Protein backbone atom coordinates (compact mmCIF):
# COMPACT_ATOMS: atom_id res chain seq x y z
CA MET A 1 0.05 -0.17 0.21
CA LYS A 2 1.50 3.05 -0.77
CA LEU A 3 1.28 5.85 2.00
CA ASP A 4 -0.84 8.81 1.50
CA GLU A 5 0.93 12.16 1.90
CA ASN A 6 -1.91 14.01 2.68
CA MET A 7 -3.03 11.78 5.17
CA THR A 8 -3.89 14.36 8.22
CA PHE A 9 -2.11 13.16 11.45
CA GLU A 10 -5.60 11.98 13.18
CA ALA A 11 -5.73 9.92 10.51
CA ALA A 12 -2.76 8.12 10.23
CA ILE A 13 -2.58 7.42 14.16
CA ALA A 14 -5.81 5.75 13.92
CA ARG A 15 -4.55 3.70 10.64
CA LEU A 16 -1.62 3.23 12.86
CA GLU A 17 -4.13 1.75 15.87
CA GLU A 18 -5.63 -0.52 12.94
CA ILE A 19 -1.78 -1.62 12.03
CA VAL A 20 -0.72 -2.59 15.73
CA HIS A 21 -4.62 -4.24 16.58
CA LEU A 22 -4.14 -6.61 13.22
CA LEU A 23 -0.65 -7.16 14.21
CA GLU A 24 -1.53 -8.51 17.54
CA SER A 25 -4.32 -10.86 16.84
CA GLY A 26 -1.67 -12.46 14.97
CA ASN A 27 -4.08 -14.24 12.17
CA ALA A 28 -1.79 -12.37 9.15
CA PRO A 29 -0.20 -14.33 6.68
CA LEU A 30 3.64 -13.81 7.10
CA ASP A 31 3.96 -11.51 4.30
CA VAL A 32 1.11 -9.54 5.15
CA SER A 33 2.36 -8.64 8.14
CA LEU A 34 5.66 -7.67 6.83
CA SER A 35 2.97 -5.00 4.70
CA LEU A 36 1.47 -4.09 7.48
CA TYR A 37 4.83 -3.63 9.69
CA GLU A 38 6.20 -1.35 6.77
CA GLU A 39 2.88 0.85 6.14
CA GLY A 40 3.17 1.28 10.28
CA VAL A 41 6.70 2.31 10.07
CA ALA A 42 5.88 5.29 7.58
CA LEU A 43 3.04 6.22 9.69
CA VAL A 44 5.06 6.48 12.28
CA ARG A 45 7.69 9.15 9.77
CA LEU A 46 4.94 10.60 8.73
CA CYS A 47 3.34 11.28 12.17
CA ASN A 48 6.84 12.32 13.51
CA THR A 49 7.12 14.99 11.06
CA ARG A 50 3.76 16.46 11.27
CA LEU A 51 4.47 17.37 14.85
CA ASP A 52 8.01 18.67 14.15
CA ASN A 53 6.33 20.72 11.87
CA ALA A 54 3.95 21.53 14.34
CA GLN A 55 6.02 22.15 17.28
CA GLN A 56 7.99 24.76 15.09
CA ARG A 57 4.90 27.07 14.77
CA VAL A 58 3.85 26.94 18.21
CA LYS A 59 4.30 29.89 19.76
CA ILE A 60 5.00 30.77 23.95
CA LEU A 61 3.06 34.37 24.61
CA THR A 62 4.72 35.25 27.91
CA VAL A 63 4.04 38.79 30.10
CA GLY A 64 7.23 40.70 29.94
CA GLU A 65 8.65 42.64 32.81
CA ASP A 66 6.15 46.22 31.67
CA GLY A 67 3.25 43.99 31.44
CA ALA A 68 3.34 43.68 27.46
CA MET A 69 2.43 40.01 25.91
CA GLN A 70 5.55 38.91 23.67
CA GLU A 71 5.51 36.23 21.70
CA GLU A 72 8.92 33.32 21.66
CA ASN A 73 9.11 30.40 20.24
CA MET A 74 8.74 27.26 21.43
CA PRO A 75 11.45 25.85 22.62
CA PRO A 76 12.76 22.29 20.99
CA MET A 77 11.89 18.59 22.65
CA GLN A 78 14.43 17.15 24.34
CA GLU A 79 14.61 13.54 23.19
CA GLY A 80 12.87 11.13 25.14
CA ASN A 81 9.79 13.94 26.08
């Protein structure tokens, strides 16, 4: 199955959950399981890319010393967070 690069994050997560369920059931033949696994890996990459892009767009509103609101970029997440 070719991955749809325009798939929404939510749709990708839903499909990934389906794949996990199918693989956990243990009922799929080996070749189908391998295809599902490969699709799952591609979906994880897609989701990570979408999350990275969203994080780059997030701004933090803070109150400065003068009481005015100011916008700052969100600091990058550490590995494992």
